[in-house]
Every structure is written in C-alpha cells, then in structure tokens.
Amino acid sequence: MNILIQHGHVVDPASGFSQRANVAVQKGHVLAIGQIPSDFKPDQTIDATDCMVIPGLVDACARLGEPGHEHEGMLESELAAAVAGGVTSVVCPPDTQPVLDEPGLVEMLQYRAARLHLSRVFPLGALTRGLAGESLTPMAELTLAGCVGFSQAEHGMTQTQTLQRAMQYAATYGYVVWLRPQDVHLGKGVAASGPLATRLGLSGVPVAAETIALHTLIDVMRSTGARVHVCRLSSAAGVELVRLAKAEGLAISADVSIHNLHFTDNDVGYFDTRARLTPPLRQQADREALRQGLADGTIDVLVSDHTPVESDAKYLPFAQAEPGATALELLLSASLKWAEQSGVGVMRALQVVTSSPAALLGPAGQGLGRLEAGVPADICIYKATEQWQVEPTALHSQSKHTPFAFDMNGSLMPGKVQATLVAGRVAYQLT
C-alpha cells in the first residue's frame, strides 16, 4: 500500500533532520521525504497537521505475557498497547515460561508475533539453561533463531566462573550480553534501603547490590573483551561506574526505566503496590543522577520496563505483591516529560527511544529507529501539544497498574500518539 503523510514536522534523531515535510511510503519502506515523486499515487493519505512524524519507537525491555504468563498479558493485547504508544519494535527478556533457552521457543514466539501484524518482536535468549546460572545455552543456535542478545533477566549469576565463560563465548562470536546488575544475596529486598524502607518496615535493597555486581561485570569485561548492555540502572553510584567504564573505552552501554527516571521511594507512600517495582525506586539524588546520565550519554537508552501484572498479584501487602507495571503506552510521553522537566532537547528525548535502542539490536535493527528514504516504514505520528490523562482502564494492555496514574504526582502526559505504521502498514490510528 502507498501511504502519504502530509503536513507533519518530520524529525529523525539519528541524522538531526527536523523540518516540515511530507513522507511517502511504498512497499513497506520510506520512499521519499520532502520532495515526493510526481508519479507517486497514494492509496491512503494521513493528515499530520500540527503533528510530529518520527521513527517508530524501539523499546529495549518489555515483557509480553507469552509464553506462560497469559493470565497477566497476552501477546495480542501487549503488542496492541505497543503500537498505541508508537512503539514499533520490542525487545523481550527470556524469563518466560518456559524460559527462552531453546531455538524452537524463540521461533514460535516470533511466528506468533508476526501473524498479528503489530510491533516487531526481538527476543533475548537465556544466557544459561533455565536461567539457573550453571550451564550455557546454545547461543549460536538461539542467534540463528532470532535472538539479538543474551540475558539472565531478573536471575543473577551466582557463579563468577560461569559468567566469565559466558562472556568469553559471547566475545568470540560477537554476541551482546544484557545483564541487570544486582547481587543475588543483597538484592532480596522489596524496597530501596533508606529511611522510608526502615520506617515502613520493608526489607531493603542497598545500592551496594547494584555496585558490587557492576564491579564484577566490568572486571570480567576487561578480561574477556565482551560487549555488555547494563539493564535498568537505579543508583547514582551505578551511573558513575558506567561513566568510568565508558571513559576507559570498554564496550558498555546502559539503560534506565521510565519509572526510576520519574519516581522516588517516597512514591511508595503508604504501601502503594503500584510502586512495587524491580529495580526498586530509590532516593531523589539517585533519580537526578539517572536523569543527568541519560542527558549526557552515560545512559544510552530509556526503556518502558513493561511488566504486566494481574490484579490479584497487586492487591496484596506490599512485600507480597508482584513487582511490575504496565508501561508500553507511556514510553514516548515519559521521555518527552523528562525532556520538559530536565531542559533536555526533544531531539535527545527521541533519540533515547529510537536510534539508540535500535543500535543495540545489531544487524537485526538495521534501518530501525531512523526516518529517511530507504528504511523500513516504522513511523510514529504524535501531537506534541496535546496532553492526556493516564486512565488505567483506557490502556490497551491487559494489565492496568502504573505509578503514572498516581493522583499525587499528576498524571497529565505530553504527546498523544495519533497513528503508528509498522512496515508500511497502519497498525494503530486514533479514532
């Protein structure tokens, strides 16, 4: 189908392009921007007056409910939430049931996703069998099946020798290891260590749980030469360690979730389980360091950390409640809100959710997160001047729990998605 997007302000963070222009889409790719060929005949025209036309967002961390967690989220509902938020590509961790440690499971997930014609899905394979941290998975076979990297998700590595072997193997074949730094012994609490956790009687997760794991990870990187993506930093000390590792020239990148970027442990309030998250919300100084790290490039990517949780698992005492929040539909607005509050330009706000996460995907991400002639027509059209209220019941995700619905923080969000194209098809259009 030929599609013409008219009168929009086109922004491509990868190249710095920013001007009002028309966009022609043909055979699933961007045909032209600006000067449209005279013989181009659109089958559909989208009026983008007063709208921004940007590359489709790439969310580098979102759980999709399948396989194994269908009671919390179905692939169809979560990918519908993705396109409603302008997200055209999703990276999903391997902590499904069963774990993504076999090529057949990866192929089935991608087959199911492709049939829905919604967002693209890029699985991470398990780094170790069953995420048990003992024996390595068949990384070569998992890569051929479609995995873009290897992760332990929320399962820490208890054996440093296994971590070293995994990173040696990954370095040999150019695979990327995605790890969230958390010491398995110190990271068993339910809230960030500090006065609030103490006052509420909640078991704490100290900053040292993150920094000890980061020190180990960085030391193993030095000895193996592996490329590592650090997932969901939560502390000022963690940001500084990544900054030093980058200055040293190590092949390290990092991301932060929209929740840690916008909230602090004070938002736990009186045991509000919408703020029961992993990693836990930390103090204001940590949040400010995360914001600064994202602004100056120490942190490369902003992720939704979308983790659908059923109501029965949230309506429990705080310590017993399941961590997680719905977030796919909030990624764009959360990034724009950070830009407004921190004085960061819109170009940087869009870069951390488009071209930067696309670069993590390697060859699989070629052309994604960009908006120029010849690339896949994954496009998000949003109205920058329109604010919207986060109403949980109106979200497309099967899960409705999000801290962005807190009345105390104000839930008006900037940027309302009007339409989303994936591979040249209209996957979502606001009615």
Protein backbone atom coordinates (compact mmCIF):
# COMPACT_ATOMS: atom_id res chain seq x y z
CA MET A 1 0.00 0.00 0.00
CA ASN A 2 1.19 3.52 -0.83
CA ILE A 3 0.71 5.98 2.01
CA LEU A 4 1.30 9.73 2.01
CA ILE A 5 1.81 11.50 5.34
CA GLN A 6 1.14 15.19 4.79
CA HIS A 7 1.90 18.46 6.60
CA GLY A 8 3.77 16.93 9.55
CA HIS A 9 7.00 18.06 11.22
CA VAL A 10 9.45 15.27 10.41
CA VAL A 11 12.20 14.53 12.96
CA ASP A 12 14.96 11.95 12.57
CA PRO A 13 17.14 11.94 15.72
CA ALA A 14 19.78 9.75 14.06
CA SER A 15 20.62 12.36 11.41
CA GLY A 16 19.41 15.51 13.13
CA PHE A 17 16.85 16.17 10.38
CA SER A 18 14.00 18.37 11.60
CA GLN A 19 11.62 20.22 9.30
CA ARG A 20 8.07 20.27 7.99
CA ALA A 21 7.80 17.78 5.13
CA ASN A 22 5.64 15.15 3.50
CA VAL A 23 6.57 11.46 3.74
CA ALA A 24 5.83 8.89 1.03
CA VAL A 25 5.64 5.20 1.96
CA GLN A 26 5.78 2.45 -0.64
CA LYS A 27 6.18 -1.33 -0.36
CA GLY A 28 6.84 -1.18 3.36
CA HIS A 29 9.67 1.36 3.12
CA VAL A 30 10.07 5.11 3.15
CA LEU A 31 10.16 6.18 -0.50
CA ALA A 32 10.87 9.87 -0.03
CA ILE A 33 10.78 12.73 2.48
CA GLY A 34 10.12 16.25 1.29
CA GLN A 35 10.19 16.08 -2.48
CA ILE A 36 7.64 13.40 -3.38
CA PRO A 37 7.98 11.82 -6.87
CA SER A 38 5.36 13.15 -9.27
CA ASP A 39 4.25 9.65 -10.25
CA PHE A 40 3.60 8.57 -6.64
CA LYS A 41 -0.08 7.69 -6.20
CA PRO A 42 -1.15 7.20 -2.56
CA ASP A 43 -3.78 4.64 -1.62
CA GLN A 44 -4.16 6.38 1.74
CA THR A 45 -3.36 9.88 2.93
CA ILE A 46 -2.74 10.72 6.59
CA ASP A 47 -3.08 14.35 7.63
CA ALA A 48 -0.32 15.08 10.15
CA THR A 49 -1.04 18.80 10.56
CA ASP A 50 0.27 20.03 13.95
CA CYS A 51 1.91 16.64 14.49
CA MET A 52 5.43 15.31 14.82
CA VAL A 53 6.39 12.48 12.45
CA ILE A 54 9.20 10.42 13.97
CA PRO A 55 10.74 6.95 13.68
CA GLY A 56 8.78 4.23 15.44
CA LEU A 57 9.97 3.76 19.00
CA VAL A 58 12.20 0.82 19.95
CA ASP A 59 11.53 -0.44 23.48
CA ALA A 60 14.53 -2.39 24.72
CA CYS A 61 12.73 -4.03 27.65
CA ALA A 62 9.11 -5.18 27.62
CA ARG A 63 7.53 -8.41 28.79
CA LEU A 64 4.68 -9.59 26.61
CA GLY A 65 2.96 -12.23 28.72
CA GLU A 66 3.70 -15.15 26.40
CA PRO A 67 4.59 -17.87 26.74
CA GLY A 68 3.47 -18.80 30.22
CA HIS A 69 2.01 -15.59 31.68
CA GLU A 70 -1.15 -15.30 29.60
CA HIS A 71 -3.17 -14.51 32.73
CA GLU A 72 -1.18 -11.29 33.05
CA GLY A 73 -0.84 -10.32 29.41
CA MET A 74 -1.49 -11.79 26.00
CA LEU A 75 0.82 -11.22 23.07
CA GLU A 76 -2.03 -9.57 21.15
CA SER A 77 -3.04 -7.18 23.94
CA GLU A 78 0.53 -6.15 24.80
CA LEU A 79 1.56 -5.55 21.18
CA ALA A 80 -1.64 -3.57 20.69
CA ALA A 81 -0.52 -1.48 23.65
CA ALA A 82 2.87 -1.06 22.00
CA VAL A 83 1.54 0.39 18.74
CA ALA A 84 -0.91 2.59 20.67
CA GLY A 85 2.20 4.10 22.27
CA GLY A 86 4.09 4.49 18.99
CA VAL A 87 6.36 1.52 19.78
CA THR A 88 7.12 -0.43 16.61
CA SER A 89 9.87 -2.73 17.93
CA VAL A 90 10.02 -4.54 21.26
CA VAL A 91 12.87 -6.45 22.92
CA CYS A 92 11.54 -9.08 25.30
CA PRO A 93 13.57 -10.71 28.10
CA PRO A 94 13.89 -14.51 28.27
CA ASP A 95 12.14 -15.06 31.62
CA THR A 96 9.03 -16.56 30.08
CA GLN A 97 7.57 -19.95 31.00
CA PRO A 98 9.24 -21.95 29.62
CA VAL A 99 12.43 -19.91 29.52
CA LEU A 100 13.68 -18.86 26.07
CA ASP A 101 16.63 -21.24 26.09
CA GLU A 102 15.63 -23.38 23.09
CA PRO A 103 15.54 -22.24 19.43
CA GLY A 104 12.07 -23.70 18.90
CA LEU A 105 10.58 -21.49 21.62
CA VAL A 106 12.16 -18.39 20.08
CA GLU A 107 10.88 -19.27 16.61
CA MET A 108 7.36 -19.89 17.93
CA LEU A 109 7.28 -16.53 19.72
CA GLN A 110 8.37 -14.69 16.60
CA TYR A 111 5.89 -16.61 14.45
CA ARG A 112 3.04 -15.71 16.80
CA ALA A 113 4.09 -12.06 16.85
CA ALA A 114 4.50 -11.81 13.06
CA ARG A 115 0.95 -13.12 12.47
CA LEU A 116 -0.50 -10.22 14.48
CA HIS A 117 0.98 -7.54 12.18
CA LEU A 118 1.63 -5.23 15.11
CA SER A 119 5.05 -4.40 16.60
CA ARG A 120 8.19 -6.28 15.66
CA VAL A 121 9.45 -8.58 18.44
CA PHE A 122 13.13 -9.19 19.15
CA PRO A 123 13.71 -11.86 21.81
CA LEU A 124 16.67 -12.07 24.13
CA GLY A 125 17.85 -15.62 24.64
CA ALA A 126 18.65 -17.01 28.06
CA LEU A 127 22.34 -16.80 28.88
CA THR A 128 22.19 -20.01 30.93
CA ARG A 129 19.87 -23.03 30.82
CA GLY A 130 16.68 -22.28 32.66
CA LEU A 131 18.31 -19.02 33.85
CA ALA A 132 19.83 -21.17 36.60
CA GLY A 133 23.30 -19.67 36.18
CA GLU A 134 25.03 -23.03 35.75
CA SER A 135 25.36 -24.22 32.13
CA LEU A 136 25.41 -22.09 28.99
CA THR A 137 22.67 -22.16 26.38
CA PRO A 138 23.34 -22.90 22.68
CA MET A 139 23.96 -19.24 21.82
CA ALA A 140 24.77 -19.84 18.15
CA GLU A 141 21.52 -21.73 17.57
CA LEU A 142 19.50 -19.16 19.50
CA THR A 143 21.04 -16.37 17.43
CA LEU A 144 20.06 -18.15 14.21
CA ALA A 145 16.54 -18.50 15.63
CA GLY A 146 16.32 -14.71 16.04
CA CYS A 147 17.79 -13.74 19.42
CA VAL A 148 19.52 -10.33 19.45
CA GLY A 149 21.43 -10.91 22.68
CA PHE A 150 21.58 -12.99 25.85
CA SER A 151 20.29 -12.19 29.30
CA GLN A 152 19.61 -13.53 32.76
CA ALA A 153 16.58 -11.24 33.16
CA GLU A 154 16.00 -10.95 36.93
CA HIS A 155 18.07 -14.06 37.74
CA GLY A 156 21.51 -13.10 38.98
CA MET A 157 24.70 -15.02 38.28
CA THR A 158 25.87 -16.74 41.43
CA GLN A 159 28.97 -18.28 39.82
CA THR A 160 31.52 -15.81 38.52
CA GLN A 161 33.28 -18.57 36.60
CA THR A 162 30.11 -19.26 34.61
CA LEU A 163 29.75 -15.54 33.92
CA GLN A 164 33.32 -15.39 32.66
CA ARG A 165 32.83 -18.39 30.37
CA ALA A 166 29.60 -16.94 29.00
CA MET A 167 31.26 -13.61 28.27
CA GLN A 168 34.28 -15.29 26.70
CA TYR A 169 31.99 -17.21 24.37
CA ALA A 170 29.92 -14.12 23.60
CA ALA A 171 33.04 -12.08 22.85
CA THR A 172 34.36 -14.75 20.49
CA TYR A 173 31.24 -14.65 18.31
CA GLY A 174 30.27 -11.01 18.75
CA TYR A 175 27.16 -11.57 20.84
CA VAL A 176 25.92 -8.91 23.26
CA VAL A 177 25.29 -9.83 26.91
CA TRP A 178 22.41 -7.96 28.56
CA LEU A 179 22.60 -8.06 32.34
CA ARG A 180 20.88 -6.23 35.17
CA PRO A 181 23.49 -5.65 37.88
CA GLN A 182 22.18 -6.98 41.16
CA ASP A 183 23.99 -9.10 43.71
CA VAL A 184 21.81 -12.13 44.40
CA HIS A 185 22.50 -12.06 48.13
CA LEU A 186 21.97 -8.34 48.74
CA GLY A 187 19.14 -7.86 46.29
CA LYS A 188 16.39 -9.84 48.00
CA GLY A 189 14.53 -6.88 49.50
CA VAL A 190 11.34 -5.23 48.28
CA ALA A 191 12.23 -1.53 48.55
CA ALA A 192 15.34 0.62 48.33
CA SER A 193 17.32 0.74 51.55
CA GLY A 194 16.83 4.05 53.32
CA PRO A 195 14.75 5.92 55.87
CA LEU A 196 11.45 5.18 54.12
CA ALA A 197 12.01 1.42 53.97
CA THR A 198 13.06 1.45 57.61
CA ARG A 199 10.02 3.48 58.68
CA LEU A 200 7.64 1.18 56.79
CA GLY A 201 9.36 -1.98 57.97
CA LEU A 202 10.19 -3.13 54.44
CA SER A 203 13.26 -5.21 53.63
CA GLY A 204 15.77 -3.06 51.79
CA VAL A 205 17.92 -3.41 48.68
CA PRO A 206 21.13 -1.41 49.23
CA VAL A 207 22.93 0.47 46.48
CA ALA A 208 25.79 -1.96 47.06
CA ALA A 209 23.64 -4.70 45.49
CA GLU A 210 23.99 -2.84 42.20
CA THR A 211 27.57 -1.61 42.52
CA ILE A 212 29.08 -4.92 43.64
CA ALA A 213 27.52 -6.64 40.62
CA LEU A 214 28.71 -3.81 38.35
CA HIS A 215 32.30 -4.04 39.65
CA THR A 216 32.29 -7.77 38.92
CA LEU A 217 30.75 -7.29 35.50
CA ILE A 218 33.22 -4.59 34.50
CA ASP A 219 36.21 -6.62 35.71
CA VAL A 220 35.07 -9.61 33.65
CA MET A 221 34.57 -7.32 30.66
CA ARG A 222 38.20 -6.22 30.93
CA SER A 223 39.44 -9.80 30.85
CA THR A 224 37.14 -11.07 28.08
CA GLY A 225 36.54 -8.09 25.81
CA ALA A 226 32.82 -8.84 25.76
CA ARG A 227 30.23 -6.25 24.83
CA VAL A 228 27.73 -5.73 27.64
CA HIS A 229 24.48 -3.82 27.89
CA VAL A 230 23.66 -2.92 31.50
CA CYS A 231 19.93 -3.08 32.06
CA ARG A 232 17.93 -0.69 34.24
CA LEU A 233 20.39 1.23 36.33
CA SER A 234 18.85 2.57 39.52
CA SER A 235 21.54 4.41 41.50
CA ALA A 236 23.86 7.41 41.27
CA ALA A 237 26.80 5.16 42.16
CA GLY A 238 25.87 2.80 39.33
CA VAL A 239 25.75 5.66 36.84
CA GLU A 240 29.23 6.77 37.88
CA LEU A 241 30.66 3.26 37.44
CA VAL A 242 29.25 3.06 33.91
CA ARG A 243 30.62 6.54 33.18
CA LEU A 244 34.11 5.46 34.26
CA ALA A 245 33.88 2.22 32.26
CA LYS A 246 32.97 4.19 29.13
CA ALA A 247 35.85 6.60 29.73
CA GLU A 248 38.13 3.58 29.92
CA GLY A 249 36.95 2.50 26.48
CA LEU A 250 35.04 -0.63 27.47
CA ALA A 251 32.21 -1.76 25.16
CA ILE A 252 29.46 -0.98 27.63
CA SER A 253 26.04 0.61 27.21
CA ALA A 254 23.21 1.11 29.67
CA ASP A 255 19.53 1.84 30.02
CA VAL A 256 17.15 3.15 32.67
CA SER A 257 13.43 2.54 33.09
CA ILE A 258 10.84 5.28 32.88
CA HIS A 259 9.84 4.52 36.47
CA ASN A 260 13.27 5.13 38.01
CA LEU A 261 13.59 8.23 35.84
CA HIS A 262 10.39 9.79 37.19
CA PHE A 263 9.69 8.42 40.66
CA THR A 264 11.46 8.02 44.00
CA ASP A 265 10.94 5.79 47.02
CA ASN A 266 8.68 8.48 48.51
CA ASP A 267 6.12 7.45 45.91
CA VAL A 268 5.67 4.16 47.74
CA GLY A 269 3.52 6.30 50.06
CA TYR A 270 1.54 4.09 52.37
CA PHE A 271 2.47 0.76 50.80
CA ASP A 272 1.09 1.57 47.33
CA THR A 273 1.85 -1.58 45.32
CA ARG A 274 1.81 0.35 42.04
CA ALA A 275 5.26 1.45 43.17
CA ARG A 276 6.37 -2.14 43.83
CA LEU A 277 8.95 -2.34 41.08
CA THR A 278 12.21 -4.01 40.15
CA PRO A 279 14.68 -2.39 40.48
CA PRO A 280 13.18 -0.52 43.43
CA LEU A 281 12.60 3.23 43.34
CA ARG A 282 15.48 4.98 45.07
CA GLN A 283 16.10 8.39 46.61
CA GLN A 284 15.87 11.75 44.84
CA ALA A 285 19.66 12.05 44.46
CA ASP A 286 19.67 8.77 42.56
CA ARG A 287 16.83 9.91 40.31
CA GLU A 288 18.65 13.15 39.49
CA ALA A 289 21.84 11.24 38.67
CA LEU A 290 19.88 8.94 36.35
CA ARG A 291 18.36 11.96 34.61
CA GLN A 292 21.74 13.59 34.19
CA GLY A 293 23.29 10.33 33.00
CA LEU A 294 20.62 9.95 30.33
CA ALA A 295 21.10 13.57 29.27
CA ASP A 296 24.91 13.39 28.93
CA GLY A 297 25.01 10.00 27.20
CA THR A 298 26.33 7.91 30.09
CA ILE A 299 22.99 6.10 29.88
CA ASP A 300 22.16 5.34 26.26
CA VAL A 301 18.57 4.16 26.27
CA LEU A 302 15.25 4.74 28.02
CA VAL A 303 13.03 1.65 28.38
CA SER A 304 9.46 1.12 29.50
CA ASP A 305 10.29 -1.99 31.54
CA HIS A 306 6.72 -3.03 30.76
CA THR A 307 5.80 -5.91 33.07
CA PRO A 308 2.09 -6.73 33.09
CA VAL A 309 0.82 -7.93 36.46
CA GLU A 310 -2.67 -9.26 37.16
CA SER A 311 -4.78 -7.51 39.81
CA ASP A 312 -4.78 -10.47 42.19
CA ALA A 313 -0.98 -10.22 42.37
CA LYS A 314 -1.05 -6.47 43.06
CA TYR A 315 -3.83 -6.34 45.63
CA LEU A 316 -1.64 -7.83 48.34
CA PRO A 317 0.53 -6.46 51.15
CA PHE A 318 3.43 -4.55 49.61
CA ALA A 319 6.12 -7.14 50.35
CA GLN A 320 3.99 -9.94 48.89
CA ALA A 321 2.81 -8.08 45.79
CA GLU A 322 4.32 -8.96 42.43
CA PRO A 323 6.68 -6.26 41.10
CA GLY A 324 5.94 -4.65 37.76
CA ALA A 325 3.85 -2.07 35.94
CA THR A 326 2.24 -1.55 32.57
CA ALA A 327 4.27 0.96 30.61
CA LEU A 328 4.41 0.37 26.84
CA GLU A 329 1.88 3.11 26.11
CA LEU A 330 3.80 5.56 28.31
CA LEU A 331 7.33 5.36 26.89
CA LEU A 332 7.05 8.27 24.45
CA SER A 333 5.26 10.56 26.88
CA ALA A 334 7.64 9.67 29.72
CA SER A 335 10.61 10.61 27.54
CA LEU A 336 9.02 13.91 26.49
CA LYS A 337 8.11 14.66 30.11
CA TRP A 338 11.72 14.07 31.16
CA ALA A 339 12.84 16.48 28.43
CA GLU A 340 10.43 19.14 29.68
CA GLN A 341 11.45 18.77 33.31
CA SER A 342 15.20 18.49 32.71
CA GLY A 343 15.61 21.08 29.95
CA VAL A 344 16.85 18.44 27.52
CA GLY A 345 16.04 19.00 23.86
CA VAL A 346 13.34 16.99 22.13
CA MET A 347 15.97 15.53 19.79
CA ARG A 348 17.75 13.82 22.70
CA ALA A 349 14.43 12.72 24.20
CA LEU A 350 13.52 10.99 20.95
CA GLN A 351 17.00 9.59 20.34
CA VAL A 352 16.98 7.53 23.54
CA VAL A 353 13.80 5.73 22.45
CA THR A 354 14.53 5.37 18.71
CA SER A 355 18.00 5.24 17.16
CA SER A 356 19.94 4.45 20.35
CA PRO A 357 17.97 1.31 21.29
CA ALA A 358 17.89 0.25 17.62
CA ALA A 359 21.70 0.24 17.65
CA LEU A 360 21.62 -2.41 20.39
CA LEU A 361 19.94 -4.87 18.02
CA GLY A 362 22.95 -5.21 15.71
CA PRO A 363 22.18 -6.33 12.14
CA ALA A 364 18.56 -7.11 13.09
CA GLY A 365 18.00 -3.44 13.85
CA GLN A 366 19.39 -2.09 10.58
CA GLY A 367 17.25 0.81 9.41
CA LEU A 368 15.06 0.78 12.53
CA GLY A 369 14.85 3.85 14.73
CA ARG A 370 15.53 6.08 11.72
CA LEU A 371 13.37 8.09 9.33
CA GLU A 372 14.96 8.55 5.93
CA ALA A 373 14.48 7.29 2.38
CA GLY A 374 15.03 3.54 2.03
CA VAL A 375 14.48 2.45 5.64
CA PRO A 376 11.54 0.31 6.83
CA ALA A 377 8.45 2.48 7.23
CA ASP A 378 8.13 2.16 11.01
CA ILE A 379 6.68 5.55 11.88
CA CYS A 380 5.04 7.22 14.87
CA ILE A 381 2.86 10.30 14.45
CA TYR A 382 2.07 12.21 17.64
CA LYS A 383 0.64 15.57 18.63
CA ALA A 384 3.21 17.34 20.78
CA THR A 385 0.81 19.99 22.04
CA GLU A 386 -1.79 17.55 23.32
CA GLN A 387 -1.65 16.35 26.91
CA TRP A 388 -3.52 13.29 28.06
CA GLN A 389 -4.63 11.80 31.33
CA VAL A 390 -3.38 8.36 32.30
CA GLU A 391 -6.59 6.43 32.84
CA PRO A 392 -5.66 2.82 33.64
CA THR A 393 -8.94 1.41 32.34
CA ALA A 394 -8.32 3.07 28.95
CA LEU A 395 -4.92 1.43 28.46
CA HIS A 396 -4.71 -1.31 25.84
CA SER A 397 -2.52 -3.55 27.98
CA GLN A 398 -4.24 -6.40 29.79
CA SER A 399 -2.59 -5.05 32.96
CA LYS A 400 -3.80 -1.71 34.31
CA HIS A 401 -1.34 -0.96 37.10
CA THR A 402 1.01 2.02 36.68
CA PRO A 403 2.53 4.59 39.04
CA PHE A 404 1.89 7.22 36.36
CA ALA A 405 -1.74 7.14 37.46
CA PHE A 406 -0.82 8.49 40.92
CA ASP A 407 -3.06 11.48 41.67
CA MET A 408 -0.39 12.97 43.93
CA ASN A 409 2.12 13.28 41.09
CA GLY A 410 -0.26 14.48 38.42
CA SER A 411 -0.83 12.15 35.52
CA LEU A 412 -1.01 14.58 32.59
CA MET A 413 1.40 13.34 29.96
CA PRO A 414 2.71 15.23 26.93
CA GLY A 415 2.46 13.86 23.40
CA LYS A 416 -0.57 11.93 22.22
CA VAL A 417 0.04 9.26 19.58
CA GLN A 418 -2.23 9.75 16.56
CA ALA A 419 -1.05 6.89 14.32
CA THR A 420 1.59 4.18 14.11
CA LEU A 421 2.90 2.48 10.99
CA VAL A 422 4.83 -0.80 11.06
CA ALA A 423 6.50 -1.94 7.83
CA GLY A 424 4.30 0.45 5.89
CA ARG A 425 1.01 -0.77 7.40
CA VAL A 426 -1.19 1.34 9.66
CA ALA A 427 -1.05 -0.68 12.89
CA TYR A 428 -2.80 1.95 15.02
CA GLN A 429 -4.81 5.07 14.35
CA LEU A 430 -6.54 7.19 16.97
CA THR A 431 -10.25 7.32 16.34
